[in-house]
Every structure is written in C-alpha cells, then in structure tokens.
N, C-alpha and C. Protein backbone atom coordinates (compact mmCIF):
# COMPACT_ATOMS: atom_id res chain seq x y z
N UNK A 1 0.84 -1.14 0.00
CA UNK A 1 0.00 0.00 0.00
C UNK A 1 0.91 1.23 0.00
N UNK A 2 0.78 2.04 -0.99
CA UNK A 2 1.64 3.21 -1.11
C UNK A 2 0.85 4.44 -0.67
N UNK A 3 1.60 5.37 -0.12
CA UNK A 3 0.98 6.59 0.35
C UNK A 3 1.20 7.69 -0.66
N UNK A 4 0.30 8.60 -0.62
CA UNK A 4 0.44 9.72 -1.53
C UNK A 4 1.46 10.70 -0.96
N UNK A 5 2.06 11.55 -1.79
CA UNK A 5 3.04 12.53 -1.28
C UNK A 5 2.43 13.46 -0.24
N UNK A 6 1.17 13.77 -0.36
CA UNK A 6 0.53 14.65 0.60
C UNK A 6 0.44 14.00 1.97
N UNK A 7 0.13 12.70 2.00
CA UNK A 7 0.04 12.00 3.28
C UNK A 7 1.43 11.84 3.89
N UNK A 8 2.46 11.66 3.05
CA UNK A 8 3.83 11.58 3.57
C UNK A 8 4.23 12.90 4.21
N UNK A 9 3.85 14.03 3.61
CA UNK A 9 4.15 15.33 4.17
C UNK A 9 3.43 15.52 5.52
N UNK A 10 2.21 15.05 5.58
CA UNK A 10 1.46 15.16 6.83
C UNK A 10 2.11 14.33 7.93
N UNK A 11 2.55 13.13 7.59
CA UNK A 11 3.20 12.25 8.56
C UNK A 11 4.52 12.88 9.01
N UNK A 12 5.28 13.43 8.07
CA UNK A 12 6.54 14.08 8.42
C UNK A 12 6.30 15.27 9.35
N UNK A 13 5.26 16.05 9.06
CA UNK A 13 4.93 17.16 9.93
C UNK A 13 4.55 16.68 11.33
N UNK A 14 3.78 15.60 11.39
CA UNK A 14 3.40 15.05 12.69
C UNK A 14 4.63 14.59 13.47
N UNK A 15 5.56 13.92 12.77
CA UNK A 15 6.78 13.45 13.45
C UNK A 15 7.62 14.63 13.93
N UNK A 16 7.72 15.67 13.13
CA UNK A 16 8.51 16.82 13.55
C UNK A 16 7.82 17.54 14.73
N UNK A 17 6.50 17.60 14.72
CA UNK A 17 5.79 18.20 15.85
C UNK A 17 6.00 17.38 17.12
N UNK A 18 6.01 16.07 16.98
CA UNK A 18 6.24 15.20 18.13
C UNK A 18 7.65 15.42 18.68
N UNK A 19 8.63 15.52 17.78
CA UNK A 19 10.00 15.75 18.22
C UNK A 19 10.15 17.11 18.91
N UNK A 20 9.52 18.13 18.36
CA UNK A 20 9.57 19.46 18.97
C UNK A 20 8.91 19.43 20.34
N UNK A 21 7.79 18.75 20.44
CA UNK A 21 7.08 18.64 21.72
C UNK A 21 7.94 17.92 22.75
N UNK A 22 8.61 16.84 22.32
CA UNK A 22 9.49 16.11 23.24
C UNK A 22 10.64 16.98 23.72
N UNK A 23 11.21 17.77 22.80
CA UNK A 23 12.31 18.66 23.18
C UNK A 23 11.83 19.71 24.19
N UNK A 24 10.67 20.26 23.93
CA UNK A 24 10.13 21.27 24.85
C UNK A 24 9.83 20.66 26.22
N UNK A 25 9.30 19.45 26.23
CA UNK A 25 9.02 18.79 27.50
C UNK A 25 10.31 18.50 28.26
N UNK A 26 11.36 18.09 27.54
CA UNK A 26 12.64 17.83 28.17
C UNK A 26 13.23 19.11 28.74
N UNK A 27 13.13 20.22 27.98
CA UNK A 27 13.63 21.50 28.48
C UNK A 27 12.84 21.95 29.71
N UNK A 28 11.52 21.77 29.69
CA UNK A 28 10.69 22.15 30.84
C UNK A 28 11.05 21.30 32.05
N UNK A 29 11.29 20.00 31.83
CA UNK A 29 11.66 19.12 32.92
C UNK A 29 13.01 19.52 33.51
N UNK A 30 13.97 19.87 32.65
CA UNK A 30 15.27 20.31 33.13
C UNK A 30 15.15 21.63 33.90
N UNK A 31 14.29 22.50 33.43
CA UNK A 31 14.09 23.78 34.11
C UNK A 31 13.48 23.57 35.47
N UNK A 32 12.51 22.69 35.57
CA UNK A 32 11.85 22.42 36.85
C UNK A 32 12.79 21.73 37.82
N UNK A 33 13.56 20.77 37.32
CA UNK A 33 14.43 20.00 38.21
C UNK A 33 15.64 20.79 38.65
N UNK A 34 15.99 21.85 37.95
CA UNK A 34 17.08 22.73 38.38
C UNK A 34 18.43 22.26 37.88
N UNK A 35 19.44 23.06 38.14
CA UNK A 35 20.76 22.75 37.64
C UNK A 35 21.41 21.57 38.35
N UNK A 36 20.98 21.28 39.58
CA UNK A 36 21.59 20.17 40.30
C UNK A 36 21.26 18.83 39.65
N UNK A 37 20.09 18.71 39.03
CA UNK A 37 19.72 17.46 38.38
C UNK A 37 20.52 17.25 37.10
N UNK A 38 20.93 18.33 36.46
CA UNK A 38 21.70 18.20 35.23
C UNK A 38 23.15 17.83 35.50
N UNK A 39 23.67 18.19 36.65
CA UNK A 39 25.04 17.82 36.99
C UNK A 39 25.04 16.34 37.33
N UNK A 40 25.97 15.63 36.77
CA UNK A 40 26.04 14.19 36.97
C UNK A 40 26.69 13.88 38.31
N UNK A 41 25.87 13.76 39.33
CA UNK A 41 26.30 13.41 40.68
C UNK A 41 27.35 14.36 41.24
N UNK A 42 27.42 15.55 40.75
CA UNK A 42 28.33 16.56 41.31
C UNK A 42 27.53 17.46 42.23
N UNK A 43 28.14 17.83 43.31
CA UNK A 43 27.48 18.75 44.24
C UNK A 43 27.84 20.18 43.88
N UNK A 44 27.45 20.58 42.68
CA UNK A 44 27.77 21.91 42.18
C UNK A 44 26.49 22.72 42.12
N UNK A 45 26.55 23.91 42.67
CA UNK A 45 25.40 24.81 42.61
C UNK A 45 25.75 25.93 41.64
N UNK A 46 24.96 26.04 40.62
CA UNK A 46 25.19 27.07 39.62
C UNK A 46 24.29 28.25 39.94
N UNK A 47 24.85 29.26 40.60
CA UNK A 47 24.07 30.42 41.01
C UNK A 47 23.58 31.24 39.82
N UNK A 48 24.34 31.22 38.75
CA UNK A 48 23.90 31.95 37.55
C UNK A 48 22.61 31.35 37.00
N UNK A 49 22.50 30.05 37.07
CA UNK A 49 21.27 29.41 36.58
C UNK A 49 20.08 29.80 37.45
N UNK A 50 20.29 29.83 38.77
CA UNK A 50 19.22 30.28 39.66
C UNK A 50 18.85 31.73 39.38
N UNK A 51 19.86 32.58 39.15
CA UNK A 51 19.61 33.98 38.85
C UNK A 51 18.81 34.12 37.56
N UNK A 52 19.14 33.31 36.56
CA UNK A 52 18.39 33.34 35.29
C UNK A 52 16.93 32.94 35.51
N UNK A 53 16.71 31.95 36.34
CA UNK A 53 15.33 31.52 36.62
C UNK A 53 14.58 32.64 37.35
N UNK A 54 15.25 33.29 38.30
CA UNK A 54 14.61 34.40 39.02
C UNK A 54 14.27 35.53 38.06
N UNK A 55 15.21 35.86 37.17
CA UNK A 55 14.94 36.92 36.20
C UNK A 55 13.82 36.53 35.24
N UNK A 56 13.80 35.28 34.84
CA UNK A 56 12.77 34.82 33.92
C UNK A 56 11.39 34.86 34.58
N UNK A 57 11.33 34.59 35.87
CA UNK A 57 10.05 34.53 36.60
C UNK A 57 9.82 35.76 37.47
N UNK A 58 10.52 36.87 37.18
CA UNK A 58 10.44 38.04 38.05
C UNK A 58 9.04 38.60 38.17
N UNK A 59 8.26 38.59 37.11
CA UNK A 59 6.91 39.15 37.20
C UNK A 59 6.01 38.28 38.06
N UNK A 60 6.23 36.98 38.01
CA UNK A 60 5.47 36.09 38.89
C UNK A 60 5.84 36.35 40.34
N UNK A 61 7.13 36.51 40.59
CA UNK A 61 7.60 36.77 41.95
C UNK A 61 7.06 38.11 42.45
N UNK A 62 7.16 39.15 41.63
CA UNK A 62 6.65 40.46 42.03
C UNK A 62 5.15 40.45 42.25
N UNK A 63 4.43 39.72 41.42
CA UNK A 63 2.97 39.64 41.56
C UNK A 63 2.60 38.96 42.89
N UNK A 64 3.25 37.85 43.19
CA UNK A 64 2.96 37.15 44.44
C UNK A 64 3.33 38.00 45.65
N UNK A 65 4.45 38.71 45.56
CA UNK A 65 4.87 39.59 46.65
C UNK A 65 3.86 40.73 46.85
N UNK A 66 3.39 41.32 45.75
CA UNK A 66 2.42 42.40 45.84
C UNK A 66 1.10 41.91 46.43
N UNK A 67 0.67 40.72 46.03
CA UNK A 67 -0.56 40.15 46.58
C UNK A 67 -0.41 39.93 48.09
N UNK A 68 0.74 39.43 48.52
CA UNK A 68 0.97 39.18 49.95
C UNK A 68 0.99 40.49 50.74
N UNK A 69 1.64 41.52 50.20
CA UNK A 69 1.73 42.80 50.91
C UNK A 69 0.35 43.45 51.01
N UNK A 70 -0.39 43.47 49.91
CA UNK A 70 -1.73 44.06 49.92
C UNK A 70 -2.64 43.28 50.86
N UNK A 71 -2.55 41.96 50.83
CA UNK A 71 -3.35 41.14 51.75
C UNK A 71 -3.00 41.41 53.20
N UNK A 72 -1.71 41.57 53.49
CA UNK A 72 -1.29 41.88 54.86
C UNK A 72 -1.83 43.22 55.33
N UNK A 73 -1.76 44.24 54.45
CA UNK A 73 -2.31 45.55 54.80
C UNK A 73 -3.82 45.47 55.02
N UNK A 74 -4.51 44.76 54.16
CA UNK A 74 -5.97 44.66 54.32
C UNK A 74 -6.34 43.99 55.63
N UNK A 75 -5.66 42.90 55.94
CA UNK A 75 -5.96 42.21 57.19
C UNK A 75 -5.64 43.10 58.39
N UNK A 76 -4.52 43.82 58.31
CA UNK A 76 -4.12 44.67 59.43
C UNK A 76 -5.10 45.81 59.66
N UNK A 77 -5.51 46.47 58.60
CA UNK A 77 -6.34 47.66 58.77
C UNK A 77 -7.83 47.38 58.85
N UNK A 78 -8.28 46.23 58.42
CA UNK A 78 -9.72 45.95 58.43
C UNK A 78 -10.18 45.15 59.63
N UNK A 79 -9.26 44.52 60.36
CA UNK A 79 -9.68 43.78 61.54
C UNK A 79 -9.87 44.73 62.71
N UNK A 80 -10.80 44.39 63.58
CA UNK A 80 -11.05 45.23 64.75
C UNK A 80 -10.01 44.92 65.82
N UNK A 81 -9.57 45.94 66.55
CA UNK A 81 -8.58 45.69 67.59
C UNK A 81 -9.18 44.85 68.72
N UNK A 82 -8.39 43.99 69.27
CA UNK A 82 -8.86 43.08 70.32
C UNK A 82 -8.61 43.69 71.70
N UNK A 83 -7.46 44.27 71.91
CA UNK A 83 -7.09 44.77 73.23
C UNK A 83 -7.27 46.28 73.30
N UNK A 84 -7.87 46.72 74.42
CA UNK A 84 -8.04 48.14 74.67
C UNK A 84 -7.66 48.39 76.13
N UNK A 85 -7.14 49.57 76.39
CA UNK A 85 -6.76 49.91 77.75
C UNK A 85 -7.23 51.33 78.04
N UNK A 86 -7.55 51.59 79.31
CA UNK A 86 -7.90 52.94 79.73
C UNK A 86 -7.24 53.18 81.09
N UNK A 87 -7.02 54.44 81.39
CA UNK A 87 -6.33 54.77 82.62
C UNK A 87 -6.97 56.00 83.22
N UNK A 88 -7.18 55.96 84.51
CA UNK A 88 -7.68 57.11 85.26
C UNK A 88 -6.65 57.40 86.34
N UNK A 89 -6.02 58.56 86.24
CA UNK A 89 -4.97 58.90 87.19
C UNK A 89 -5.46 60.04 88.07
N UNK A 90 -5.33 59.86 89.38
CA UNK A 90 -5.75 60.89 90.33
C UNK A 90 -4.50 61.42 91.03
N UNK A 91 -4.29 62.70 90.89
CA UNK A 91 -3.12 63.34 91.49
C UNK A 91 -3.61 64.19 92.65
N UNK A 92 -3.16 63.89 93.85
CA UNK A 92 -3.55 64.63 95.04
C UNK A 92 -2.43 65.60 95.41
N UNK A 93 -2.83 66.81 95.78
CA UNK A 93 -1.77 67.76 96.19
C UNK A 93 -1.19 67.32 97.53
N UNK A 94 0.10 67.38 97.63
CA UNK A 94 0.74 66.98 98.89
C UNK A 94 1.17 68.23 99.65
N UNK A 95 1.22 68.09 100.95
CA UNK A 95 1.62 69.21 101.80
C UNK A 95 3.10 69.47 101.60
N UNK A 96 3.49 70.73 101.62
CA UNK A 96 4.89 71.07 101.43
C UNK A 96 5.72 70.61 102.61
N UNK A 97 6.87 70.06 102.36
CA UNK A 97 7.73 69.58 103.44
C UNK A 97 8.84 70.61 103.63
N UNK A 98 8.58 71.49 104.59
CA UNK A 98 9.53 72.55 104.89
C UNK A 98 10.24 72.20 106.18
N UNK A 99 11.55 72.28 106.16
CA UNK A 99 12.34 71.95 107.34
C UNK A 99 12.46 73.21 108.20
N UNK A 100 12.26 73.05 109.49
CA UNK A 100 12.35 74.18 110.39
C UNK A 100 13.82 74.51 110.67
N UNK A 101 14.07 75.79 110.88
CA UNK A 101 15.44 76.27 111.04
C UNK A 101 16.10 75.76 112.32
N UNK A 102 15.33 75.63 113.38
CA UNK A 102 15.89 75.22 114.67
C UNK A 102 16.49 73.81 114.60
N UNK A 103 15.80 72.91 113.94
CA UNK A 103 16.32 71.54 113.86
C UNK A 103 17.58 71.48 113.02
N UNK A 104 17.66 72.30 111.98
CA UNK A 104 18.86 72.31 111.14
C UNK A 104 20.02 72.94 111.90
N UNK A 105 19.72 73.99 112.67
CA UNK A 105 20.77 74.68 113.43
C UNK A 105 21.35 73.77 114.50
N UNK A 106 20.50 72.97 115.16
CA UNK A 106 20.99 72.05 116.17
C UNK A 106 21.87 70.98 115.53
N UNK A 107 21.45 70.45 114.38
CA UNK A 107 22.25 69.45 113.70
C UNK A 107 23.58 70.03 113.26
N UNK A 108 23.56 71.30 112.84
CA UNK A 108 24.78 71.95 112.37
C UNK A 108 25.75 72.16 113.53
N UNK A 109 25.20 72.50 114.69
CA UNK A 109 26.05 72.73 115.86
C UNK A 109 26.68 71.44 116.34
N UNK A 110 25.92 70.36 116.34
CA UNK A 110 26.48 69.08 116.76
C UNK A 110 27.52 68.58 115.77
N UNK A 111 27.32 68.87 114.50
CA UNK A 111 28.28 68.48 113.48
C UNK A 111 29.57 69.29 113.66
N UNK A 112 29.43 70.58 113.96
CA UNK A 112 30.58 71.45 114.14
C UNK A 112 31.41 70.99 115.34
N UNK A 113 30.75 70.61 116.46
CA UNK A 113 31.47 70.15 117.64
C UNK A 113 32.15 68.81 117.37
N UNK A 114 31.54 67.96 116.55
CA UNK A 114 32.14 66.66 116.21
C UNK A 114 33.39 66.88 115.38
N UNK A 115 33.36 67.86 114.47
CA UNK A 115 34.51 68.12 113.61
C UNK A 115 35.65 68.68 114.48
N UNK A 116 35.34 69.49 115.47
CA UNK A 116 36.37 70.04 116.35
C UNK A 116 37.03 68.96 117.17
N UNK A 117 36.26 67.97 117.62
CA UNK A 117 36.84 66.88 118.40
C UNK A 117 37.76 66.01 117.54
N UNK A 118 37.41 65.81 116.27
CA UNK A 118 38.23 64.96 115.40
C UNK A 118 39.54 65.67 115.07
N UNK A 119 39.49 66.95 114.86
CA UNK A 119 40.70 67.67 114.46
C UNK A 119 41.61 67.93 115.64
N UNK A 120 41.12 67.85 116.88
CA UNK A 120 41.94 68.16 118.05
C UNK A 120 42.84 67.03 118.45
C-alpha cells in the first residue's frame, strides 16, 4: 500500500511536531528539576542558573509579593482591635515639706562640735 506525497508530508509534519514537543518537554523538565539534576552526581550549585530563573520569573515573583503585601495591609487595617486599655490617674496635692530652722541649726552645731573633736 503506497501513500500519496501529501500524506507523507502530513506524517513528516506530525513526526517533527512530536520531536519538537518532546524537546520542549525535556527543556521544561530540566528547568523544573534545576541545575543540580543536570550535573552528573556533582554537588555543584550554579548560582547563575538560579539567577536566570529568578529573572525569567520576576513578574510572577513580584505579583505574588504584591498580593501578599496588599493582603497583609488589608488584614491589618480591616480587623477590629482586640485589646483596649484605659487609665484614670488621680493626682492629690501633697503638703509642702519645709524643714524648720531650729532643727537644722541644732544638727549643724552638733556636726561642728564633732569636727572640732576629730581635728583636736
């Protein structure tokens, strides 16, 4: 059974599409598994590859970060406060504490006599 040239072209296109799909799937798998999976049992971390992935996915990262920040602000400002405190302070006037002169003079005299005894 022979095929027409048109059917051969269709089959060739299908095979090339399958090969392209397989290549894309392999690239996606390598991207998901990261650079460590591509290294053959080496404990090598390729920071440039991680940086490229971050740059490639930067809008996704920024979008998720913005959603988290906006959500945090909404939760913070829209929830009702749980704890409240109030204070009532009463200040009473106190009597002035004035020292009388006689008591200070007596203490000063006894101190003066004590100093004279020590120096003598």
